[in-house]
Amino acid sequence: MKAWKTAVLAAALLGAAPAAMADVRVGVILSMTGPAASLGIPERKTIELFPKTIAGQAIHYTILDDSTDPTAAVKDARELIAKDHVDVILGPSITPNALAVTDVAAHYKVPDIAIVPSIAQPVTAKTRWMFSTPQSNGMMAHAVVGNMLAHGYKRVAFIGFNDAYGEGWWKAFSADAARNGIRIVDREAFARTATSVTGQALHIVGAKPQAVLIVASGTPAALPERALKQVGFQGQLYQTHGVANPDFLRVCGSDCDGTLLPASPALVAAQLPASSPIKAAAMRMSSAYQKAYGNTVSQFSANAWDSGVLLEHALPIALRSARPGDTAALRSALRDAIEGLHGLPAPDGIYDFSPTNHNGPSTNAVAMLRIEHGAWQLVP
């Protein structure tokens, strides 16, 4: 297990101030190695930009790598809680790992802002400690269905990961497609670690769809895109927001040109209209990230940034009733404060959490994009 740890002691900067109170302790679980490394690496870079003090309170971040392994994610969560006594967890990076951590967060009553979609829906006794920053699968699937209808695509195929991410998208997309008269003529699956999907691509072509939705995340999503092109598919290809990062563009290359996907508006912050209520938040994030790293914002850096936005706004509220060092009280206060955030603009959209909704941004949250020459273009 690899770990990146950072700490800032505010007392050293305060001179004659009284002895420092205990830090707020933030645990972070990301997939910085393994198949989802193209998600976790930009997420880690983003979290390194987070403020080291909030409301005058020092923040201590401990970042652990789960190696894209659900078992490791659970081990990391237990270590953060038992050894580091964290007040809140940010992450994991992928759906299977976040699902695995849900039981741990519930058992120890630690709020977890997961950087994956739809992890806390519906809100139950177990998931009430979980929150999601990305757009829900249902919201993104609805955008894909709307675009398919606008182009007259009524026969489509589906190929996705054979795990929780693929299954979640299948449920959302197939239901929305059925409601709108779109027929899914073939469904295929593949593993995150697959090296060939030629057989699945041939089955899809044989079903004669007008369009294909690929449901995967990170660079492994390039595999079916290439395979479909190689076996002669000439229809429209769609991806999900799981591919919205520069590494995917680099790996897929020209094979991706013309591909459509729903994604965070943060990816095209400069292209958003001036009237957009999240443009200022998206530009703030885009400017900070590009100043620090000189490369393009991804869906995953935006998702990670929003976990920090939620923490930045919830912590001052929680500190009114609980102090660092009283771990159980601060964990509970943070959970309640996050749940109470309403009308909060961030790069991924506007958050309106409630006791029945922990499920990402609710409005101004989806931009339909086209990949052209290795760049994102906003579809009007």
Protein backbone atom coordinates (compact mmCIF):
# COMPACT_ATOMS: atom_id res chain seq x y z
CA MET A 1 0.00 0.00 0.00
CA LYS A 2 1.36 3.39 -0.98
CA ALA A 3 0.56 6.50 1.02
CA TRP A 4 0.99 10.20 0.46
CA LYS A 5 0.69 12.24 3.68
CA THR A 6 0.63 16.01 4.11
CA ALA A 7 0.15 18.08 7.22
CA VAL A 8 0.16 21.77 7.98
CA LEU A 9 0.46 23.06 11.54
CA ALA A 10 -1.21 26.45 11.73
CA ALA A 11 0.30 27.16 15.16
CA ALA A 12 3.73 27.70 13.61
CA LEU A 13 2.28 30.61 11.66
CA LEU A 14 0.45 32.21 14.55
CA GLY A 15 3.35 33.46 16.63
CA ALA A 16 2.07 34.43 20.05
CA ALA A 17 -1.30 32.71 19.59
CA PRO A 18 -2.36 30.13 22.19
CA ALA A 19 -1.43 26.46 21.72
CA ALA A 20 -3.03 25.04 18.58
CA MET A 21 -6.17 22.99 18.81
CA ALA A 22 -6.23 19.52 17.30
CA ASP A 23 -6.27 19.39 13.51
CA VAL A 24 -9.29 18.39 11.50
CA ARG A 25 -8.21 15.08 10.03
CA VAL A 26 -9.24 14.27 6.45
CA GLY A 27 -8.66 10.80 5.04
CA VAL A 28 -8.48 10.32 1.27
CA ILE A 29 -8.72 7.01 -0.64
CA LEU A 30 -7.84 7.12 -4.34
CA SER A 31 -6.90 4.68 -7.11
CA MET A 32 -3.45 6.04 -7.90
CA THR A 33 -2.20 2.74 -9.31
CA GLY A 34 -3.93 -0.09 -11.19
CA PRO A 35 -6.50 0.18 -14.02
CA ALA A 36 -8.09 3.35 -12.60
CA ALA A 37 -4.83 5.26 -12.12
CA SER A 38 -5.86 7.76 -14.81
CA LEU A 39 -8.68 8.74 -12.44
CA GLY A 40 -6.80 8.70 -9.17
CA ILE A 41 -3.70 10.62 -10.26
CA PRO A 42 -5.55 13.82 -11.31
CA GLU A 43 -7.72 13.47 -8.20
CA ARG A 44 -4.61 13.40 -6.00
CA LYS A 45 -3.20 16.44 -7.80
CA THR A 46 -6.47 18.26 -7.19
CA ILE A 47 -6.57 17.42 -3.49
CA GLU A 48 -3.03 18.75 -3.13
CA LEU A 49 -4.52 22.17 -4.03
CA PHE A 50 -7.03 22.07 -1.17
CA PRO A 51 -6.78 24.71 1.58
CA LYS A 52 -4.68 23.75 4.59
CA THR A 53 -6.86 25.84 6.88
CA ILE A 54 -10.63 26.29 6.83
CA ALA A 55 -12.37 28.79 9.13
CA GLY A 56 -9.03 29.25 10.91
CA GLN A 57 -8.79 25.54 11.63
CA ALA A 58 -5.75 23.53 10.49
CA ILE A 59 -6.50 20.58 8.19
CA HIS A 60 -4.39 17.42 8.06
CA TYR A 61 -4.78 15.27 4.91
CA THR A 62 -3.77 11.61 4.71
CA ILE A 63 -3.95 10.16 1.18
CA LEU A 64 -3.89 6.39 0.62
CA ASP A 65 -3.75 4.38 -2.61
CA ASP A 66 -6.22 1.49 -2.98
CA SER A 67 -4.57 0.24 -6.21
CA THR A 68 -8.04 -0.01 -7.85
CA ASP A 69 -8.82 -2.92 -5.50
CA PRO A 70 -12.04 -2.97 -3.38
CA THR A 71 -10.36 -5.08 -0.69
CA ALA A 72 -7.53 -2.55 -0.41
CA ALA A 73 -10.07 0.29 -0.27
CA VAL A 74 -11.72 -1.33 2.76
CA LYS A 75 -8.32 -1.83 4.40
CA ASP A 76 -7.46 1.82 3.74
CA ALA A 77 -10.73 3.00 5.23
CA ARG A 78 -10.20 0.95 8.37
CA GLU A 79 -6.65 2.27 8.73
CA LEU A 80 -7.75 5.87 8.30
CA ILE A 81 -10.44 5.43 10.96
CA ALA A 82 -8.53 3.31 13.51
CA LYS A 83 -5.00 4.68 13.11
CA ASP A 84 -5.42 8.22 11.80
CA HIS A 85 -8.75 8.93 13.56
CA VAL A 86 -10.06 10.87 10.57
CA ASP A 87 -13.13 13.06 10.86
CA VAL A 88 -14.19 12.58 7.23
CA ILE A 89 -13.14 10.50 4.20
CA LEU A 90 -12.92 11.73 0.60
CA GLY A 91 -13.06 9.04 -2.13
CA PRO A 92 -12.71 6.30 -3.32
CA SER A 93 -12.23 6.88 -7.04
CA ILE A 94 -14.37 4.07 -8.52
CA THR A 95 -17.80 2.62 -7.83
CA PRO A 96 -16.85 -0.92 -6.70
CA ASN A 97 -14.41 0.48 -4.15
CA ALA A 98 -16.88 3.07 -2.87
CA LEU A 99 -19.53 0.39 -2.46
CA ALA A 100 -17.05 -1.70 -0.49
CA VAL A 101 -16.29 1.23 1.85
CA THR A 102 -19.97 2.01 2.50
CA ASP A 103 -20.30 -0.61 5.24
CA VAL A 104 -17.16 0.65 6.98
CA ALA A 105 -18.35 4.28 6.94
CA ALA A 106 -21.74 3.26 8.30
CA HIS A 107 -20.32 1.00 11.02
CA TYR A 108 -17.92 3.64 12.36
CA LYS A 109 -20.24 6.56 11.57
CA VAL A 110 -17.72 8.46 9.47
CA PRO A 111 -18.98 10.76 6.69
CA ASP A 112 -17.58 9.82 3.27
CA ILE A 113 -17.72 12.14 0.26
CA ALA A 114 -17.24 9.59 -2.52
CA ILE A 115 -15.87 10.72 -5.87
CA VAL A 116 -18.19 8.35 -7.75
CA PRO A 117 -21.80 8.71 -8.92
CA SER A 118 -24.98 7.41 -7.32
CA ILE A 119 -23.27 5.71 -4.38
CA ALA A 120 -25.70 7.02 -1.78
CA GLN A 121 -29.00 6.57 -3.56
CA PRO A 122 -31.41 5.84 -2.04
CA VAL A 123 -30.44 7.22 1.36
CA THR A 124 -30.80 4.42 3.91
CA ALA A 125 -29.50 3.70 7.39
CA LYS A 126 -26.34 2.35 5.74
CA THR A 127 -25.82 5.01 3.07
CA ARG A 128 -26.73 8.06 5.20
CA TRP A 129 -22.99 8.53 5.88
CA MET A 130 -22.17 8.52 2.14
CA PHE A 131 -22.36 11.45 -0.30
CA SER A 132 -21.50 11.62 -4.02
CA THR A 133 -19.94 14.51 -5.88
CA PRO A 134 -20.36 13.46 -9.56
CA GLN A 135 -23.52 13.70 -11.57
CA SER A 136 -25.79 10.68 -11.07
CA ASN A 137 -25.80 7.93 -13.67
CA GLY A 138 -29.48 8.66 -14.26
CA MET A 139 -28.78 12.32 -15.02
CA MET A 140 -26.01 11.47 -17.46
CA ALA A 141 -27.97 8.64 -19.08
CA HIS A 142 -30.89 11.01 -19.64
CA ALA A 143 -28.58 13.40 -21.49
CA VAL A 144 -27.36 10.56 -23.73
CA VAL A 145 -30.93 9.43 -24.47
CA GLY A 146 -31.92 13.00 -25.30
CA ASN A 147 -29.06 13.33 -27.77
CA MET A 148 -29.90 9.97 -29.37
CA LEU A 149 -33.51 11.05 -29.84
CA ALA A 150 -32.41 14.36 -31.35
CA HIS A 151 -30.41 12.44 -33.96
CA GLY A 152 -33.12 9.86 -34.64
CA TYR A 153 -31.25 6.87 -33.22
CA LYS A 154 -33.83 4.21 -32.29
CA ARG A 155 -31.63 1.07 -32.47
CA VAL A 156 -28.65 1.17 -30.13
CA ALA A 157 -26.22 -1.24 -28.46
CA PHE A 158 -24.60 -1.19 -25.03
CA ILE A 159 -21.17 -2.43 -23.96
CA GLY A 160 -19.91 -1.80 -20.44
CA PHE A 161 -17.76 -2.90 -17.53
CA ASN A 162 -18.93 -6.10 -15.87
CA ASP A 163 -18.98 -4.44 -12.46
CA ALA A 164 -21.01 -1.95 -10.43
CA TYR A 165 -20.25 0.95 -12.77
CA GLY A 166 -21.50 -0.93 -15.82
CA GLU A 167 -24.53 -2.31 -13.98
CA GLY A 168 -25.52 1.09 -12.59
CA TRP A 169 -25.38 2.65 -16.03
CA TRP A 170 -27.28 -0.27 -17.57
CA LYS A 171 -30.17 0.19 -15.13
CA ALA A 172 -30.34 3.93 -15.69
CA PHE A 173 -29.84 3.91 -19.47
CA SER A 174 -32.05 0.92 -20.33
CA ALA A 175 -34.96 2.32 -18.32
CA ASP A 176 -34.68 5.78 -19.91
CA ALA A 177 -34.26 4.30 -23.39
CA ALA A 178 -37.38 2.13 -22.97
CA ARG A 179 -39.44 5.13 -21.84
CA ASN A 180 -38.41 6.98 -24.99
CA GLY A 181 -38.90 4.26 -27.58
CA ILE A 182 -35.22 3.40 -28.07
CA ARG A 183 -34.56 -0.29 -28.60
CA ILE A 184 -31.36 -1.80 -27.20
CA VAL A 185 -30.49 -4.47 -29.76
CA ASP A 186 -27.44 -5.90 -27.99
CA ARG A 187 -25.81 -5.77 -24.54
CA GLU A 188 -22.18 -6.77 -24.05
CA ALA A 189 -19.79 -6.65 -21.07
CA PHE A 190 -16.03 -6.73 -20.47
CA ALA A 191 -13.64 -6.62 -17.52
CA ARG A 192 -11.60 -3.56 -16.56
CA THR A 193 -8.47 -5.64 -17.15
CA ALA A 194 -9.56 -7.06 -20.54
CA THR A 195 -7.05 -6.96 -23.39
CA SER A 196 -9.49 -7.74 -26.22
CA VAL A 197 -13.20 -7.17 -26.87
CA THR A 198 -13.21 -8.15 -30.55
CA GLY A 199 -15.85 -10.84 -29.97
CA GLN A 200 -18.18 -8.39 -28.28
CA ALA A 201 -17.59 -5.82 -31.03
CA LEU A 202 -18.51 -8.36 -33.73
CA HIS A 203 -21.73 -9.24 -31.89
CA ILE A 204 -22.62 -5.56 -31.74
CA VAL A 205 -22.00 -5.00 -35.45
CA GLY A 206 -24.11 -8.06 -36.23
CA ALA A 207 -27.05 -6.51 -34.35
CA LYS A 208 -26.91 -3.47 -36.70
CA PRO A 209 -27.33 -0.61 -34.20
CA GLN A 210 -27.29 3.00 -35.29
CA ALA A 211 -25.30 4.00 -32.20
CA VAL A 212 -23.35 2.32 -29.41
CA LEU A 213 -22.99 3.44 -25.79
CA ILE A 214 -19.67 2.42 -24.20
CA VAL A 215 -19.85 2.37 -20.40
CA ALA A 216 -16.37 2.31 -18.90
CA SER A 217 -13.96 4.63 -17.12
CA GLY A 218 -10.40 5.76 -17.64
CA THR A 219 -8.12 4.44 -20.36
CA PRO A 220 -9.69 0.93 -20.50
CA ALA A 221 -12.68 2.58 -22.20
CA ALA A 222 -10.54 3.06 -25.32
CA LEU A 223 -10.50 -0.71 -25.92
CA PRO A 224 -14.09 -1.12 -27.18
CA GLU A 225 -13.90 2.18 -29.08
CA ARG A 226 -10.95 0.90 -31.07
CA ALA A 227 -12.41 -2.59 -31.49
CA LEU A 228 -15.66 -1.27 -32.91
CA LYS A 229 -13.79 0.88 -35.43
CA GLN A 230 -11.58 -2.07 -36.39
CA VAL A 231 -14.52 -4.39 -37.13
CA GLY A 232 -16.15 -1.77 -39.32
CA PHE A 233 -18.77 -0.05 -37.16
CA GLN A 234 -19.64 3.29 -38.77
CA GLY A 235 -22.44 4.54 -36.52
CA GLN A 236 -22.30 7.05 -33.69
CA LEU A 237 -20.26 6.18 -30.60
CA TYR A 238 -21.11 7.47 -27.13
CA GLN A 239 -19.04 7.27 -23.95
CA THR A 240 -19.86 8.24 -20.37
CA HIS A 241 -18.31 10.84 -18.08
CA GLY A 242 -16.04 8.02 -16.93
CA VAL A 243 -13.68 8.83 -19.83
CA ALA A 244 -13.57 12.58 -19.42
CA ASN A 245 -9.84 12.96 -18.77
CA PRO A 246 -6.77 13.80 -20.84
CA ASP A 247 -5.30 10.30 -20.51
CA PHE A 248 -8.28 8.83 -22.34
CA LEU A 249 -7.88 11.36 -25.15
CA ARG A 250 -4.18 10.53 -25.40
CA VAL A 251 -4.66 6.75 -25.43
CA CYS A 252 -7.64 6.69 -27.77
CA GLY A 253 -6.18 9.26 -30.17
CA SER A 254 -7.93 9.82 -33.49
CA ASP A 255 -10.17 6.78 -32.89
CA CYS A 256 -12.16 9.02 -30.52
CA ASP A 257 -12.88 11.85 -32.93
CA GLY A 258 -16.62 12.43 -33.20
CA THR A 259 -17.45 10.56 -29.99
CA LEU A 260 -20.18 12.13 -27.87
CA LEU A 261 -20.41 12.07 -24.07
CA PRO A 262 -22.08 13.82 -21.15
CA ALA A 263 -19.58 15.35 -18.74
CA SER A 264 -18.96 17.97 -16.10
CA PRO A 265 -19.30 21.56 -17.32
CA ALA A 266 -15.90 22.13 -15.67
CA LEU A 267 -14.20 20.53 -18.69
CA VAL A 268 -15.36 23.39 -20.90
CA ALA A 269 -15.47 26.17 -18.30
CA ALA A 270 -14.29 28.81 -20.77
CA GLN A 271 -16.93 27.72 -23.31
CA LEU A 272 -19.84 28.09 -20.86
CA PRO A 273 -22.11 31.09 -21.45
CA ALA A 274 -21.56 34.05 -19.16
CA SER A 275 -25.08 33.51 -17.80
CA SER A 276 -24.22 30.07 -16.39
CA PRO A 277 -24.60 30.11 -12.58
CA ILE A 278 -21.61 27.78 -12.20
CA LYS A 279 -19.23 29.47 -14.66
CA ALA A 280 -17.40 31.41 -11.92
CA ALA A 281 -16.93 28.26 -9.82
CA ALA A 282 -15.81 26.26 -12.86
CA MET A 283 -13.34 28.94 -13.96
CA ARG A 284 -11.90 29.19 -10.43
CA MET A 285 -11.17 25.48 -10.45
CA SER A 286 -9.90 25.43 -14.04
CA SER A 287 -7.56 28.36 -13.44
CA ALA A 288 -6.13 26.90 -10.22
CA TYR A 289 -5.56 23.46 -11.73
CA GLN A 290 -3.99 24.69 -14.94
CA LYS A 291 -1.79 27.18 -13.08
CA ALA A 292 -0.47 24.37 -10.89
CA TYR A 293 -0.13 21.63 -13.49
CA GLY A 294 -0.42 23.22 -16.91
CA ASN A 295 -2.76 20.59 -18.31
CA THR A 296 -6.46 20.06 -18.86
CA VAL A 297 -9.07 19.63 -16.16
CA SER A 298 -10.73 16.20 -16.14
CA GLN A 299 -14.08 14.93 -14.92
CA PHE A 300 -12.22 13.31 -12.05
CA SER A 301 -10.31 16.41 -11.00
CA ALA A 302 -13.64 18.27 -11.00
CA ASN A 303 -15.26 15.53 -8.91
CA ALA A 304 -12.38 15.68 -6.44
CA TRP A 305 -12.46 19.48 -6.33
CA ASP A 306 -16.14 19.39 -5.46
CA SER A 307 -15.44 17.13 -2.47
CA GLY A 308 -13.25 19.96 -1.21
CA VAL A 309 -15.95 22.56 -1.93
CA LEU A 310 -18.43 20.53 0.12
CA LEU A 311 -15.94 20.21 2.98
CA GLU A 312 -15.02 23.90 2.81
CA HIS A 313 -18.67 24.90 3.26
CA ALA A 314 -19.72 22.19 5.71
CA LEU A 315 -16.81 22.39 8.16
CA PRO A 316 -17.50 25.92 9.47
CA ILE A 317 -21.08 24.82 10.18
CA ALA A 318 -19.94 21.65 11.94
CA LEU A 319 -17.44 23.59 14.07
CA ARG A 320 -20.28 25.50 15.67
CA SER A 321 -21.29 22.39 17.60
CA ALA A 322 -18.19 20.17 17.67
CA ARG A 323 -14.45 20.63 17.98
CA PRO A 324 -11.47 18.74 16.56
CA GLY A 325 -10.37 16.03 18.95
CA ASP A 326 -13.96 15.13 19.85
CA THR A 327 -13.97 12.75 16.91
CA ALA A 328 -17.41 11.18 17.19
CA ALA A 329 -19.11 14.55 17.66
CA LEU A 330 -17.27 16.17 14.75
CA ARG A 331 -17.99 13.25 12.43
CA SER A 332 -21.70 13.51 13.21
CA ALA A 333 -21.73 17.28 12.88
CA LEU A 334 -19.95 17.11 9.54
CA ARG A 335 -22.42 14.54 8.22
CA ASP A 336 -25.33 16.76 9.19
CA ALA A 337 -23.69 19.86 7.77
CA ILE A 338 -22.97 18.24 4.40
CA GLU A 339 -26.56 16.99 4.22
CA GLY A 340 -27.77 20.54 4.86
CA LEU A 341 -25.91 22.19 1.95
CA HIS A 342 -28.34 23.82 -0.52
CA GLY A 343 -27.90 25.95 -3.63
CA LEU A 344 -24.11 25.51 -3.58
CA PRO A 345 -22.48 26.20 -6.98
CA ALA A 346 -19.40 24.15 -7.81
CA PRO A 347 -17.64 23.04 -11.03
CA ASP A 348 -19.83 19.93 -11.37
CA GLY A 349 -23.10 21.82 -10.85
CA ILE A 350 -25.32 23.11 -8.07
CA TYR A 351 -25.65 20.92 -4.96
CA ASP A 352 -28.95 20.60 -3.11
CA PHE A 353 -28.48 17.86 -0.54
CA SER A 354 -31.25 16.74 1.83
CA PRO A 355 -32.10 13.79 4.12
CA THR A 356 -33.36 11.95 1.01
CA ASN A 357 -30.76 13.13 -1.53
CA HIS A 358 -26.99 12.66 -1.20
CA ASN A 359 -26.63 12.14 -4.92
CA GLY A 360 -24.40 14.74 -6.55
CA PRO A 361 -25.37 18.06 -8.13
CA SER A 362 -29.01 18.60 -9.04
CA THR A 363 -28.96 21.35 -11.68
CA ASN A 364 -26.60 22.95 -14.23
CA ALA A 365 -24.63 19.72 -14.02
CA VAL A 366 -24.36 18.25 -17.54
CA ALA A 367 -22.54 19.44 -20.63
CA MET A 368 -22.84 17.37 -23.80
CA LEU A 369 -19.41 17.21 -25.41
CA ARG A 370 -17.91 16.04 -28.70
CA ILE A 371 -14.30 14.91 -28.98
CA GLU A 372 -12.56 16.70 -31.84
CA HIS A 373 -8.81 16.50 -32.52
CA GLY A 374 -7.99 15.56 -28.96
CA ALA A 375 -10.08 18.26 -27.29
CA TRP A 376 -13.52 18.72 -25.75
CA GLN A 377 -16.05 20.76 -27.68
CA LEU A 378 -19.31 21.89 -26.11
CA VAL A 379 -22.32 20.68 -28.10
CA PRO A 380 -24.89 23.51 -28.30
